[in-house]
PDB file of N, CA and C in Angstrom:
ATOM      1  N   MET A   1       2.605  -4.890  24.622  1.00  0.00           N
ATOM      2  CA  MET A   1       3.983  -5.382  24.095  1.00  0.00           C
ATOM      3  C   MET A   1       5.064  -5.578  25.503  1.00  0.00           C
ATOM      4  N   ALA A   2       4.634  -4.923  26.566  1.00  0.00           N
ATOM      5  CA  ALA A   2       5.381  -5.599  27.802  1.00  0.00           C
ATOM      6  C   ALA A   2       5.294  -6.812  28.397  1.00  0.00           C
ATOM      7  N   THR A   3       4.132  -7.364  28.011  1.00  0.00           N
ATOM      8  CA  THR A   3       3.649  -8.163  28.753  1.00  0.00           C
ATOM      9  C   THR A   3       3.815  -9.755  27.593  1.00  0.00           C
ATOM     10  N   MET A   4       4.146  -9.348  26.385  1.00  0.00           N
ATOM     11  CA  MET A   4       3.705 -10.418  25.060  1.00  0.00           C
ATOM     12  C   MET A   4       4.789 -11.139  25.571  1.00  0.00           C
ATOM     13  N   THR A   5       4.727 -12.790  25.342  1.00  0.00           N
ATOM     14  CA  THR A   5       6.072 -13.444  25.680  1.00  0.00           C
ATOM     15  C   THR A   5       5.589 -14.257  24.246  1.00  0.00           C
ATOM     16  N   GLY A   6       6.598 -15.511  23.811  1.00  0.00           N
ATOM     17  CA  GLY A   6       6.905 -16.341  23.214  1.00  0.00           C
ATOM     18  C   GLY A   6       6.622 -15.848  21.698  1.00  0.00           C
ATOM     19  N   GLU A   7       5.810 -16.807  20.744  1.00  0.00           N
ATOM     20  CA  GLU A   7       5.375 -16.528  19.306  1.00  0.00           C
ATOM     21  C   GLU A   7       4.847 -15.357  19.162  1.00  0.00           C
ATOM     22  N   ALA A   8       3.638 -14.946  20.310  1.00  0.00           N
ATOM     23  CA  ALA A   8       3.280 -13.599  20.089  1.00  0.00           C
ATOM     24  C   ALA A   8       3.715 -12.587  20.097  1.00  0.00           C
ATOM     25  N   ARG A   9       5.234 -12.924  20.924  1.00  0.00           N
ATOM     26  CA  ARG A   9       6.130 -11.373  20.698  1.00  0.00           C
ATOM     27  C   ARG A   9       6.883 -11.591  19.351  1.00  0.00           C
ATOM     28  N   ARG A  10       7.208 -12.502  19.042  1.00  0.00           N
ATOM     29  CA  ARG A  10       7.936 -12.714  17.825  1.00  0.00           C
ATOM     30  C   ARG A  10       7.252 -12.313  16.945  1.00  0.00           C
ATOM     31  N   SER A  11       5.955 -12.553  16.614  1.00  0.00           N
ATOM     32  CA  SER A  11       5.311 -12.237  15.469  1.00  0.00           C
ATOM     33  C   SER A  11       5.138 -10.545  15.086  1.00  0.00           C
ATOM     34  N   MET A  12       4.786 -10.080  16.806  1.00  0.00           N
ATOM     35  CA  MET A  12       5.091  -8.679  16.640  1.00  0.00           C
ATOM     36  C   MET A  12       6.472  -8.052  16.238  1.00  0.00           C
ATOM     37  N   VAL A  13       6.954  -8.282  16.644  1.00  0.00           N
ATOM     38  CA  VAL A  13       8.517  -7.831  16.980  1.00  0.00           C
ATOM     39  C   VAL A  13       8.521  -7.987  15.048  1.00  0.00           C
ATOM     40  N   GLU A  14       8.567  -8.932  14.701  1.00  0.00           N
ATOM     41  CA  GLU A  14       8.512  -9.375  13.066  1.00  0.00           C
ATOM     42  C   GLU A  14       7.888  -8.480  12.365  1.00  0.00           C
ATOM     43  N   GLN A  15       6.665  -8.276  12.352  1.00  0.00           N
ATOM     44  CA  GLN A  15       5.929  -7.578  11.697  1.00  0.00           C
ATOM     45  C   GLN A  15       6.253  -5.969  11.843  1.00  0.00           C
ATOM     46  N   THR A  16       6.608  -5.694  13.211  1.00  0.00           N
ATOM     47  CA  THR A  16       7.276  -4.276  13.247  1.00  0.00           C
ATOM     48  C   THR A  16       8.374  -3.717  12.787  1.00  0.00           C
ATOM     49  N   ILE A  17       9.108  -4.793  12.515  1.00  0.00           N
ATOM     50  CA  ILE A  17      10.516  -4.632  11.770  1.00  0.00           C
ATOM     51  C   ILE A  17      10.452  -4.561  10.633  1.00  0.00           C
ATOM     52  N   ASN A  18       9.893  -5.482  10.005  1.00  0.00           N
ATOM     53  CA  ASN A  18       9.188  -5.195   8.493  1.00  0.00           C
ATOM     54  C   ASN A  18       8.643  -4.567   8.388  1.00  0.00           C
ATOM     55  N   SER A  19       7.570  -3.488   8.445  1.00  0.00           N
ATOM     56  CA  SER A  19       7.071  -2.482   8.124  1.00  0.00           C
ATOM     57  C   SER A  19       8.152  -1.176   8.853  1.00  0.00           C
ATOM     58  N   MET A  20       8.887  -1.345   9.182  1.00  0.00           N
ATOM     59  CA  MET A  20       9.998  -0.249   9.348  1.00  0.00           C
ATOM     60  C   MET A  20      11.177  -0.047   8.387  1.00  0.00           C
ATOM     61  N   VAL A  21      11.810  -1.473   7.770  1.00  0.00           N
ATOM     62  CA  VAL A  21      13.043  -1.748   7.594  1.00  0.00           C
ATOM     63  C   VAL A  21      12.789  -2.568   6.100  1.00  0.00           C
ATOM     64  N   ARG A  22      12.959  -1.698   5.415  1.00  0.00           N
ATOM     65  CA  ARG A  22      12.907  -1.920   3.709  1.00  0.00           C
ATOM     66  C   ARG A  22      13.744  -2.960   3.417  1.00  0.00           C
ATOM     67  N   THR A  23      15.017  -2.781   3.681  1.00  0.00           N
ATOM     68  CA  THR A  23      16.377  -3.662   3.321  1.00  0.00           C
ATOM     69  C   THR A  23      15.978  -4.978   3.921  1.00  0.00           C
ATOM     70  N   GLU A  24      15.749  -5.989   3.402  1.00  0.00           N
ATOM     71  CA  GLU A  24      15.639  -7.294   4.463  1.00  0.00           C
ATOM     72  C   GLU A  24      16.639  -7.900   4.815  1.00  0.00           C
ATOM     73  N   SER A  25      17.840  -7.868   4.347  1.00  0.00           N
ATOM     74  CA  SER A  25      18.959  -8.009   4.758  1.00  0.00           C
ATOM     75  C   SER A  25      19.333  -7.829   6.397  1.00  0.00           C
ATOM     76  N   PHE A  26      18.629  -6.325   6.416  1.00  0.00           N
ATOM     77  CA  PHE A  26      18.724  -6.227   7.865  1.00  0.00           C
ATOM     78  C   PHE A  26      18.096  -6.669   9.149  1.00  0.00           C
ATOM     79  N   ARG A  27      16.809  -6.743   8.274  1.00  0.00           N
ATOM     80  CA  ARG A  27      15.780  -7.379   8.995  1.00  0.00           C
ATOM     81  C   ARG A  27      15.831  -8.380  10.290  1.00  0.00           C
ATOM     82  N   PRO A  28      16.537  -9.580  10.081  1.00  0.00           N
ATOM     83  CA  PRO A  28      16.860 -10.437  10.829  1.00  0.00           C
ATOM     84  C   PRO A  28      17.702 -10.313  12.169  1.00  0.00           C
ATOM     85  N   GLY A  29      18.900  -9.295  11.908  1.00  0.00           N
ATOM     86  CA  GLY A  29      19.648  -8.837  13.377  1.00  0.00           C
ATOM     87  C   GLY A  29      18.917  -7.822  13.740  1.00  0.00           C
ATOM     88  N   LEU A  30      17.784  -7.100  13.284  1.00  0.00           N
ATOM     89  CA  LEU A  30      17.212  -6.117  14.287  1.00  0.00           C
ATOM     90  C   LEU A  30      16.031  -6.981  15.116  1.00  0.00           C
ATOM     91  N   ILE A  31      15.594  -8.058  14.070  1.00  0.00           N
ATOM     92  CA  ILE A  31      14.486  -8.651  14.706  1.00  0.00           C
ATOM     93  C   ILE A  31      15.272  -9.395  16.219  1.00  0.00           C
ATOM     94  N   ASP A  32      16.317 -10.131  16.143  1.00  0.00           N
ATOM     95  CA  ASP A  32      17.219 -10.606  17.021  1.00  0.00           C
ATOM     96  C   ASP A  32      17.508  -9.891  18.109  1.00  0.00           C
ATOM     97  N   GLN A  33      17.987  -8.331  17.626  1.00  0.00           N
ATOM     98  CA  GLN A  33      18.298  -7.676  18.794  1.00  0.00           C
ATOM     99  C   GLN A  33      17.231  -6.973  19.491  1.00  0.00           C
ATOM    100  N   SER A  34      15.926  -6.889  18.964  1.00  0.00           N
ATOM    101  CA  SER A  34      14.821  -6.620  19.506  1.00  0.00           C
ATOM    102  C   SER A  34      14.269  -7.650  20.913  1.00  0.00           C
ATOM    103  N   LEU A  35      14.343  -8.819  20.296  1.00  0.00           N
ATOM    104  CA  LEU A  35      13.839 -10.170  21.253  1.00  0.00           C
ATOM    105  C   LEU A  35      14.605 -10.048  22.046  1.00  0.00           C
ATOM    106  N   ALA A  36      15.867  -9.710  22.068  1.00  0.00           N
ATOM    107  CA  ALA A  36      16.792  -9.793  23.169  1.00  0.00           C
ATOM    108  C   ALA A  36      16.751  -8.701  24.204  1.00  0.00           C
ATOM    109  N   SER A  37      15.923  -7.352  23.850  1.00  0.00           N
ATOM    110  CA  SER A  37      15.803  -6.400  24.786  1.00  0.00           C
ATOM    111  C   SER A  37      14.604  -6.950  25.873  1.00  0.00           C
ATOM    112  N   ASP A  38      14.826  -6.343  26.697  1.00  0.00           N
ATOM    113  CA  ASP A  38      14.164  -6.276  27.942  1.00  0.00           C
ATOM    114  C   ASP A  38      12.464  -5.915  27.744  1.00  0.00           C
ATOM    115  N   PRO A  39      11.443  -6.905  27.696  1.00  0.00           N
ATOM    116  CA  PRO A  39      10.235  -6.442  27.251  1.00  0.00           C
ATOM    117  C   PRO A  39       9.495  -5.278  27.896  1.00  0.00           C
ATOM    118  N   ALA A  40       9.531  -5.048  29.277  1.00  0.00           N
ATOM    119  CA  ALA A  40       9.347  -4.053  29.848  1.00  0.00           C
ATOM    120  C   ALA A  40       9.717  -2.745  29.436  1.00  0.00           C
ATOM    121  N   VAL A  41      10.957  -3.042  29.761  1.00  0.00           N
ATOM    122  CA  VAL A  41      11.475  -1.535  29.379  1.00  0.00           C
ATOM    123  C   VAL A  41      11.177  -1.159  27.829  1.00  0.00           C
ATOM    124  N   SER A  42      11.488  -1.847  27.043  1.00  0.00           N
ATOM    125  CA  SER A  42      11.085  -1.308  25.370  1.00  0.00           C
ATOM    126  C   SER A  42       9.490  -1.032  25.408  1.00  0.00           C
ATOM    127  N   GLY A  43       8.731  -1.683  26.245  1.00  0.00           N
ATOM    128  CA  GLY A  43       7.085  -1.167  26.003  1.00  0.00           C
ATOM    129  C   GLY A  43       7.111   0.149  26.634  1.00  0.00           C
ATOM    130  N   GLN A  44       7.709   0.430  27.673  1.00  0.00           N
ATOM    131  CA  GLN A  44       7.587   1.998  29.107  1.00  0.00           C
ATOM    132  C   GLN A  44       8.257   2.958  27.765  1.00  0.00           C
ATOM    133  N   ALA A  45       9.417   2.547  27.031  1.00  0.00           N
ATOM    134  CA  ALA A  45      10.183   3.831  26.440  1.00  0.00           C
ATOM    135  C   ALA A  45       9.219   3.570  25.068  1.00  0.00           C
ATOM    136  N   PHE A  46       8.371   2.796  24.390  1.00  0.00           N
ATOM    137  CA  PHE A  46       7.149   2.771  23.269  1.00  0.00           C
ATOM    138  C   PHE A  46       6.277   3.793  24.094  1.00  0.00           C
ATOM    139  N   TYR A  47       5.980   3.228  25.377  1.00  0.00           N
ATOM    140  CA  TYR A  47       4.746   4.333  25.960  1.00  0.00           C
ATOM    141  C   TYR A  47       4.996   5.754  25.907  1.00  0.00           C
ATOM    142  N   GLU A  48       6.237   5.986  26.208  1.00  0.00           N
ATOM    143  CA  GLU A  48       6.771   7.570  26.516  1.00  0.00           C
ATOM    144  C   GLU A  48       6.955   8.443  25.018  1.00  0.00           C
ATOM    145  N   VAL A  49       7.397   7.559  24.185  1.00  0.00           N
ATOM    146  CA  VAL A  49       7.792   8.025  22.914  1.00  0.00           C
ATOM    147  C   VAL A  49       6.222   8.439  22.167  1.00  0.00           C
ATOM    148  N   ILE A  50       5.270   7.723  22.494  1.00  0.00           N
ATOM    149  CA  ILE A  50       3.586   7.781  21.801  1.00  0.00           C
ATOM    150  C   ILE A  50       3.127   8.810  22.576  1.00  0.00           C
ATOM    151  N   THR A  51       3.319   9.079  23.982  1.00  0.00           N
ATOM    152  CA  THR A  51       2.408  10.100  24.900  1.00  0.00           C
ATOM    153  C   THR A  51       3.363  11.319  25.080  1.00  0.00           C
ATOM    154  N   THR A  52       4.474  11.403  24.661  1.00  0.00           N
ATOM    155  CA  THR A  52       4.994  13.093  24.931  1.00  0.00           C
ATOM    156  C   THR A  52       5.200  13.346  24.024  1.00  0.00           C
ATOM    157  N   ASP A  53       4.429  14.598  23.826  1.00  0.00           N
ATOM    158  CA  ASP A  53       4.476  15.505  23.045  1.00  0.00           C
ATOM    159  C   ASP A  53       5.436  16.662  23.160  1.00  0.00           C
ATOM    160  N   LEU A  54       6.507  16.925  22.423  1.00  0.00           N
ATOM    161  CA  LEU A  54       7.557  17.605  22.687  1.00  0.00           C
ATOM    162  C   LEU A  54       7.427  18.976  21.651  1.00  0.00           C
ATOM    163  N   ARG A  55       6.450  19.014  20.833  1.00  0.00           N
ATOM    164  CA  ARG A  55       6.106  19.888  19.952  1.00  0.00           C
ATOM    165  C   ARG A  55       6.345  21.500  20.221  1.00  0.00           C
ATOM    166  N   PRO A  56       5.681  21.880  21.702  1.00  0.00           N
ATOM    167  CA  PRO A  56       5.891  22.737  22.391  1.00  0.00           C
ATOM    168  C   PRO A  56       7.094  23.257  22.236  1.00  0.00           C
ATOM    169  N   GLU A  57       8.074  22.641  22.614  1.00  0.00           N
ATOM    170  CA  GLU A  57       9.539  22.679  23.089  1.00  0.00           C
ATOM    171  C   GLU A  57      10.258  22.914  22.319  1.00  0.00           C
ATOM    172  N   LEU A  58       9.925  22.633  20.620  1.00  0.00           N
ATOM    173  CA  LEU A  58      10.879  23.191  19.976  1.00  0.00           C
ATOM    174  C   LEU A  58      11.431  24.415  19.400  1.00  0.00           C
ATOM    175  N   ARG A  59      10.435  25.457  20.425  1.00  0.00           N
ATOM    176  CA  ARG A  59      10.268  26.992  20.195  1.00  0.00           C
ATOM    177  C   ARG A  59      12.016  27.477  21.265  1.00  0.00           C
ATOM    178  N   ASN A  60      12.123  26.553  22.107  1.00  0.00           N
ATOM    179  CA  ASN A  60      13.409  26.808  22.582  1.00  0.00           C
ATOM    180  C   ASN A  60      14.722  26.334  21.855  1.00  0.00           C
ATOM    181  N   VAL A  61      14.666  25.669  20.925  1.00  0.00           N
ATOM    182  CA  VAL A  61      15.306  24.968  20.079  1.00  0.00           C
ATOM    183  C   VAL A  61      16.170  26.261  19.337  1.00  0.00           C
ATOM    184  N   SER A  62      17.388  26.584  18.865  1.00  0.00           N
ATOM    185  CA  SER A  62      17.934  27.629  18.461  1.00  0.00           C
ATOM    186  C   SER A  62      19.081  27.592  17.781  1.00  0.00           C
ATOM    187  N   VAL A  63      19.291  26.230  17.375  1.00  0.00           N
ATOM    188  CA  VAL A  63      20.708  25.535  16.718  1.00  0.00           C
ATOM    189  C   VAL A  63      19.812  25.170  15.409  1.00  0.00           C
ATOM    190  N   PRO A  64      20.553  25.175  14.408  1.00  0.00           N
ATOM    191  CA  PRO A  64      20.241  24.624  13.016  1.00  0.00           C
ATOM    192  C   PRO A  64      19.383  23.193  13.428  1.00  0.00           C
ATOM    193  N   LEU A  65      18.463  22.744  12.763  1.00  0.00           N
ATOM    194  CA  LEU A  65      17.903  21.478  12.882  1.00  0.00           C
ATOM    195  C   LEU A  65      17.293  21.133  11.313  1.00  0.00           C
ATOM    196  N   THR A  66      17.906  19.789  10.731  1.00  0.00           N
ATOM    197  CA  THR A  66      17.376  18.949  10.028  1.00  0.00           C
ATOM    198  C   THR A  66      16.466  17.882   9.850  1.00  0.00           C
ATOM    199  N   VAL A  67      15.482  17.740   9.256  1.00  0.00           N
ATOM    200  CA  VAL A  67      14.972  16.551   9.828  1.00  0.00           C
ATOM    201  C   VAL A  67      14.575  15.871   8.456  1.00  0.00           C
ATOM    202  N   LEU A  68      14.837  14.457   8.553  1.00  0.00           N
ATOM    203  CA  LEU A  68      14.833  13.747   7.782  1.00  0.00           C
ATOM    204  C   LEU A  68      13.440  12.513   7.823  1.00  0.00           C
ATOM    205  N   PHE A  69      12.577  12.731   7.046  1.00  0.00           N
ATOM    206  CA  PHE A  69      11.314  11.919   6.996  1.00  0.00           C
ATOM    207  C   PHE A  69      10.799  11.015   5.936  1.00  0.00           C
ATOM    208  N   VAL A  70      10.204  10.223   6.479  1.00  0.00           N
ATOM    209  CA  VAL A  70       9.510   9.206   4.970  1.00  0.00           C
ATOM    210  C   VAL A  70       8.114   9.320   4.822  1.00  0.00           C
ATOM    211  N   HIS A  71       7.797   8.670   3.332  1.00  0.00           N
ATOM    212  CA  HIS A  71       6.568   8.194   3.533  1.00  0.00           C
ATOM    213  C   HIS A  71       6.403   6.809   3.839  1.00  0.00           C
ATOM    214  N   PRO A  72       5.774   6.487   5.118  1.00  0.00           N
ATOM    215  CA  PRO A  72       5.694   4.987   5.248  1.00  0.00           C
ATOM    216  C   PRO A  72       5.138   3.873   4.137  1.00  0.00           C
ATOM    217  N   PRO A  73       5.041   3.231   3.874  1.00  0.00           N
ATOM    218  CA  PRO A  73       4.797   2.269   2.791  1.00  0.00           C
ATOM    219  C   PRO A  73       2.849   1.966   3.043  1.00  0.00           C
ATOM    220  N   ASN A  74       2.607   1.684   4.277  1.00  0.00           N
ATOM    221  CA  ASN A  74       1.297   1.259   4.554  1.00  0.00           C
ATOM    222  C   ASN A  74       0.752   2.743   4.982  1.00  0.00           C
ATOM    223  N   ALA A  75       0.994   4.082   4.952  1.00  0.00           N
ATOM    224  CA  ALA A  75       0.588   5.077   4.975  1.00  0.00           C
ATOM    225  C   ALA A  75      -1.126   5.324   4.571  1.00  0.00           C
ATOM    226  N   PRO A  76      -2.280   5.631   5.455  1.00  0.00           N
ATOM    227  CA  PRO A  76      -3.064   6.097   4.652  1.00  0.00           C
ATOM    228  C   PRO A  76      -3.382   7.085   4.312  1.00  0.00           C
ATOM    229  N   VAL A  77      -2.211   8.387   4.162  1.00  0.00           N
ATOM    230  CA  VAL A  77      -2.114   9.408   3.339  1.00  0.00           C
ATOM    231  C   VAL A  77      -0.815   9.320   2.425  1.00  0.00           C
ATOM    232  N   GLY A  78      -0.997  10.356   1.398  1.00  0.00           N
ATOM    233  CA  GLY A  78      -0.083  10.700   0.563  1.00  0.00           C
ATOM    234  C   GLY A  78       1.027  11.563   0.932  1.00  0.00           C
ATOM    235  N   PRO A  79       1.813  11.201   0.084  1.00  0.00           N
ATOM    236  CA  PRO A  79       3.117  11.916   0.491  1.00  0.00           C
ATOM    237  C   PRO A  79       3.176  13.317   0.796  1.00  0.00           C
ATOM    238  N   ASP A  80       2.060  14.303   0.154  1.00  0.00           N
ATOM    239  CA  ASP A  80       2.279  15.517   0.381  1.00  0.00           C
ATOM    240  C   ASP A  80       1.554  15.905   1.951  1.00  0.00           C
ATOM    241  N   GLN A  81       0.604  14.687   1.859  1.00  0.00           N
ATOM    242  CA  GLN A  81      -0.303  14.799   3.335  1.00  0.00           C
ATOM    243  C   GLN A  81       1.246  14.623   4.618  1.00  0.00           C
ATOM    244  N   ILE A  82       1.773  13.750   4.159  1.00  0.00           N
ATOM    245  CA  ILE A  82       3.198  13.546   5.794  1.00  0.00           C
ATOM    246  C   ILE A  82       3.942  14.621   5.442  1.00  0.00           C
ATOM    247  N   GLU A  83       4.034  15.263   4.054  1.00  0.00           N
ATOM    248  CA  GLU A  83       5.002  16.249   4.186  1.00  0.00           C
ATOM    249  C   GLU A  83       4.224  17.899   5.315  1.00  0.00           C
ATOM    250  N   GLN A  84       3.033  17.689   4.794  1.00  0.00           N
ATOM    251  CA  GLN A  84       2.109  18.771   5.368  1.00  0.00           C
ATOM    252  C   GLN A  84       2.090  18.402   7.011  1.00  0.00           C
ATOM    253  N   TYR A  85       2.429  17.330   7.177  1.00  0.00           N
ATOM    254  CA  TYR A  85       2.252  16.769   9.078  1.00  0.00           C
ATOM    255  C   TYR A  85       3.572  17.232   9.434  1.00  0.00           C
ATOM    256  N   TYR A  86       4.461  17.129   8.799  1.00  0.00           N
ATOM    257  CA  TYR A  86       6.108  17.449   9.554  1.00  0.00           C
ATOM    258  C   TYR A  86       5.940  18.574   9.525  1.00  0.00           C
ATOM    259  N   ARG A  87       5.611  19.579   8.768  1.00  0.00           N
ATOM    260  CA  ARG A  87       5.708  21.190   8.506  1.00  0.00           C
ATOM    261  C   ARG A  87       4.852  21.360   9.492  1.00  0.00           C
ATOM    262  N   LEU A  88       3.840  21.053  10.334  1.00  0.00           N
ATOM    263  CA  LEU A  88       2.610  21.296  11.109  1.00  0.00           C
ATOM    264  C   LEU A  88       3.603  21.207  12.402  1.00  0.00           C
ATOM    265  N   SER A  89       4.099  19.688  12.040  1.00  0.00           N
ATOM    266  CA  SER A  89       4.817  19.610  13.738  1.00  0.00           C
ATOM    267  C   SER A  89       5.644  20.195  14.273  1.00  0.00           C
ATOM    268  N   TYR A  90       6.583  20.756  12.889  1.00  0.00           N
ATOM    269  CA  TYR A  90       8.010  21.523  13.023  1.00  0.00           C
ATOM    270  C   TYR A  90       7.722  23.326  13.158  1.00  0.00           C
ATOM    271  N   ALA A  91       6.425  23.644  13.092  1.00  0.00           N
ATOM    272  CA  ALA A  91       5.910  25.066  12.763  1.00  0.00           C
ATOM    273  C   ALA A  91       6.955  25.562  13.971  1.00  0.00           C
ATOM    274  N   ASN A  92       6.927  25.173  15.174  1.00  0.00           N
ATOM    275  CA  ASN A  92       7.282  26.023  16.459  1.00  0.00           C
ATOM    276  C   ASN A  92       9.262  25.927  16.544  1.00  0.00           C
ATOM    277  N   ALA A  93       9.372  25.444  15.396  1.00  0.00           N
ATOM    278  CA  ALA A  93      11.033  25.669  15.004  1.00  0.00           C
ATOM    279  C   ALA A  93      11.096  26.134  13.457  1.00  0.00           C
ATOM    280  N   PRO A  94      11.140  27.416  13.338  1.00  0.00           N
ATOM    281  CA  PRO A  94      11.226  27.872  11.902  1.00  0.00           C
ATOM    282  C   PRO A  94      12.423  27.819  11.205  1.00  0.00           C
ATOM    283  N   GLN A  95      13.346  27.455  11.938  1.00  0.00           N
ATOM    284  CA  GLN A  95      14.831  26.900  11.454  1.00  0.00           C
ATOM    285  C   GLN A  95      14.895  25.661  10.794  1.00  0.00           C
ATOM    286  N   ALA A  96      14.085  24.618  11.285  1.00  0.00           N
ATOM    287  CA  ALA A  96      13.973  23.344  10.403  1.00  0.00           C
ATOM    288  C   ALA A  96      13.946  23.199   9.126  1.00  0.00           C
ATOM    289  N   VAL A  97      14.470  22.110   8.738  1.00  0.00           N
ATOM    290  CA  VAL A  97      14.675  21.862   7.207  1.00  0.00           C
ATOM    291  C   VAL A  97      14.484  20.771   7.050  1.00  0.00           C
ATOM    292  N   LEU A  98      13.071  20.310   6.491  1.00  0.00           N
ATOM    293  CA  LEU A  98      12.329  18.856   6.319  1.00  0.00           C
ATOM    294  C   LEU A  98      12.939  18.740   4.953  1.00  0.00           C
ATOM    295  N   LYS A  99      13.494  17.268   4.961  1.00  0.00           N
ATOM    296  CA  LYS A  99      13.196  16.602   3.557  1.00  0.00           C
ATOM    297  C   LYS A  99      13.085  15.333   3.613  1.00  0.00           C
ATOM    298  N   ARG A 100      12.135  14.894   2.718  1.00  0.00           N
ATOM    299  CA  ARG A 100      11.464  13.559   2.484  1.00  0.00           C
ATOM    300  C   ARG A 100      12.622  12.644   2.132  1.00  0.00           C
ATOM    301  N   ILE A 101      12.730  11.488   2.407  1.00  0.00           N
ATOM    302  CA  ILE A 101      13.580  10.840   2.122  1.00  0.00           C
ATOM    303  C   ILE A 101      12.620   9.622   1.023  1.00  0.00           C
ATOM    304  N   PRO A 102      12.880   9.776  -0.383  1.00  0.00           N
ATOM    305  CA  PRO A 102      12.477   8.272  -1.031  1.00  0.00           C
ATOM    306  C   PRO A 102      12.956   7.117  -0.903  1.00  0.00           C
ATOM    307  N   ASP A 103      12.091   6.154  -1.203  1.00  0.00           N
ATOM    308  CA  ASP A 103      12.583   4.288  -1.183  1.00  0.00           C
ATOM    309  C   ASP A 103      13.126   4.228   0.172  1.00  0.00           C
ATOM    310  N   ALA A 104      12.579   4.542   1.521  1.00  0.00           N
ATOM    311  CA  ALA A 104      12.804   4.409   2.695  1.00  0.00           C
ATOM    312  C   ALA A 104      11.868   4.258   3.480  1.00  0.00           C
ATOM    313  N   TYR A 105      11.968   2.888   4.566  1.00  0.00           N
ATOM    314  CA  TYR A 105      10.964   3.314   5.553  1.00  0.00           C
ATOM    315  C   TYR A 105      11.680   3.711   6.730  1.00  0.00           C
ATOM    316  N   HIS A 106      11.228   3.683   7.645  1.00  0.00           N
ATOM    317  CA  HIS A 106      11.543   4.445   8.837  1.00  0.00           C
ATOM    318  C   HIS A 106      13.044   4.441   9.435  1.00  0.00           C
ATOM    319  N   PHE A 107      13.493   3.864   9.156  1.00  0.00           N
ATOM    320  CA  PHE A 107      15.049   3.527   9.461  1.00  0.00           C
ATOM    321  C   PHE A 107      15.797   3.981   8.386  1.00  0.00           C
ATOM    322  N   ILE A 108      16.094   5.292   7.779  1.00  0.00           N
ATOM    323  CA  ILE A 108      16.650   5.808   6.581  1.00  0.00           C
ATOM    324  C   ILE A 108      18.210   4.977   6.503  1.00  0.00           C
ATOM    325  N   MET A 109      18.838   5.060   7.452  1.00  0.00           N
ATOM    326  CA  MET A 109      20.465   4.599   7.565  1.00  0.00           C
ATOM    327  C   MET A 109      20.568   3.060   7.345  1.00  0.00           C
ATOM    328  N   PHE A 110      19.562   2.446   7.101  1.00  0.00           N
ATOM    329  CA  PHE A 110      19.515   1.127   7.046  1.00  0.00           C
ATOM    330  C   PHE A 110      18.952   1.032   5.076  1.00  0.00           C
ATOM    331  N   ASP A 111      17.812   1.677   4.959  1.00  0.00           N
ATOM    332  CA  ASP A 111      17.557   1.440   3.689  1.00  0.00           C
ATOM    333  C   ASP A 111      17.954   2.399   2.521  1.00  0.00           C
ATOM    334  N   ALA A 112      18.652   3.549   3.289  1.00  0.00           N
ATOM    335  CA  ALA A 112      19.229   4.661   2.029  1.00  0.00           C
ATOM    336  C   ALA A 112      20.445   5.147   2.832  1.00  0.00           C
ATOM    337  N   PRO A 113      21.205   4.017   3.079  1.00  0.00           N
ATOM    338  CA  PRO A 113      22.570   4.696   4.017  1.00  0.00           C
ATOM    339  C   PRO A 113      23.349   5.698   3.135  1.00  0.00           C
ATOM    340  N   GLU A 114      23.194   5.533   1.536  1.00  0.00           N
ATOM    341  CA  GLU A 114      24.672   6.921   1.223  1.00  0.00           C
ATOM    342  C   GLU A 114      23.651   7.945   1.322  1.00  0.00           C
ATOM    343  N   VAL A 115      22.365   8.177   1.077  1.00  0.00           N
ATOM    344  CA  VAL A 115      21.604   9.602   1.023  1.00  0.00           C
ATOM    345  C   VAL A 115      21.659  10.066   2.429  1.00  0.00           C
ATOM    346  N   PHE A 116      21.526   8.716   3.566  1.00  0.00           N
ATOM    347  CA  PHE A 116      21.233   9.244   5.218  1.00  0.00           C
ATOM    348  C   PHE A 116      22.863   9.958   5.424  1.00  0.00           C
ATOM    349  N   GLN A 117      24.115   9.187   4.969  1.00  0.00           N
ATOM    350  CA  GLN A 117      25.453   9.755   5.340  1.00  0.00           C
ATOM    351  C   GLN A 117      25.490  11.017   4.585  1.00  0.00           C
ATOM    352  N   ARG A 118      24.803  11.125   3.337  1.00  0.00           N
ATOM    353  CA  ARG A 118      25.490  12.290   2.822  1.00  0.00           C
ATOM    354  C   ARG A 118      24.482  13.702   3.592  1.00  0.00           C
ATOM    355  N   GLU A 119      23.419  13.349   3.759  1.00  0.00           N
ATOM    356  CA  GLU A 119      22.434  14.156   4.670  1.00  0.00           C
ATOM    357  C   GLU A 119      23.191  14.702   6.056  1.00  0.00           C
ATOM    358  N   LEU A 120      23.757  13.696   6.396  1.00  0.00           N
ATOM    359  CA  LEU A 120      24.715  14.153   8.123  1.00  0.00           C
ATOM    360  C   LEU A 120      25.825  14.685   7.460  1.00  0.00           C
ATOM    361  N   ARG A 121      26.523  14.488   6.383  1.00  0.00           N
ATOM    362  CA  ARG A 121      27.862  15.121   6.252  1.00  0.00           C
ATOM    363  C   ARG A 121      27.531  16.740   5.892  1.00  0.00           C
ATOM    364  N   THR A 122      26.236  16.793   4.930  1.00  0.00           N
ATOM    365  CA  THR A 122      25.961  18.216   4.191  1.00  0.00           C
ATOM    366  C   THR A 122      25.666  19.009   5.677  1.00  0.00           C
ATOM    367  N   PHE A 123      25.022  18.128   6.794  1.00  0.00           N
ATOM    368  CA  PHE A 123      24.433  19.101   7.960  1.00  0.00           C
ATOM    369  C   PHE A 123      25.868  19.557   8.868  1.00  0.00           C
ATOM    370  N   LEU A 124      26.461  18.310   8.976  1.00  0.00           N
ATOM    371  CA  LEU A 124      27.528  18.574   9.937  1.00  0.00           C
ATOM    372  C   LEU A 124      28.889  19.620   9.267  1.00  0.00           C
ATOM    373  N   GLU A 125      29.005  19.999   7.528  1.00  0.00           N
ATOM    374  CA  GLU A 125      29.885  20.585   7.310  1.00  0.00           C
ATOM    375  C   GLU A 125      29.477  21.693   7.053  1.00  0.00           C
ATOM    376  N   ALA A 126      28.078  22.258   7.455  1.00  0.00           N
ATOM    377  CA  ALA A 126      27.313  23.177   7.466  1.00  0.00           C
ATOM    378  C   ALA A 126      27.688  24.103   8.566  1.00  0.00           C
ATOM    379  N   ARG A 127      28.248  23.080   9.910  1.00  0.00           N
ATOM    380  CA  ARG A 127      27.915  23.943  10.875  1.00  0.00           C
ATOM    381  C   ARG A 127      29.469  24.318  11.237  1.00  0.00           C
TER     382      ARG A 127
END
């Protein structure tokens, strides 16, 4: 990722964005933003996100926590298995409220903005 250039980088970015954003009208801008970013910085950030396991630290979170998640379009498992994955991942945070958002890919705020805003308002108003 950090060393890709030219058409190979563009192809990888387009494939990634297309799999993470269902709403096609948002894709071109996100692709442009991604291509404008520094590949070394993006690659390092991606590496850190993938290799850092913060699940043990969740027991130190004492504030309310709501997790919105999706069932990815190309997931090799079904919605129930994805939900179980999230339940296990947040087991150290018993106060976590998990909510699966249908009809959205990774970026819920683009694919289901009304649902995202409603969930955000609900969370903030309860505090």
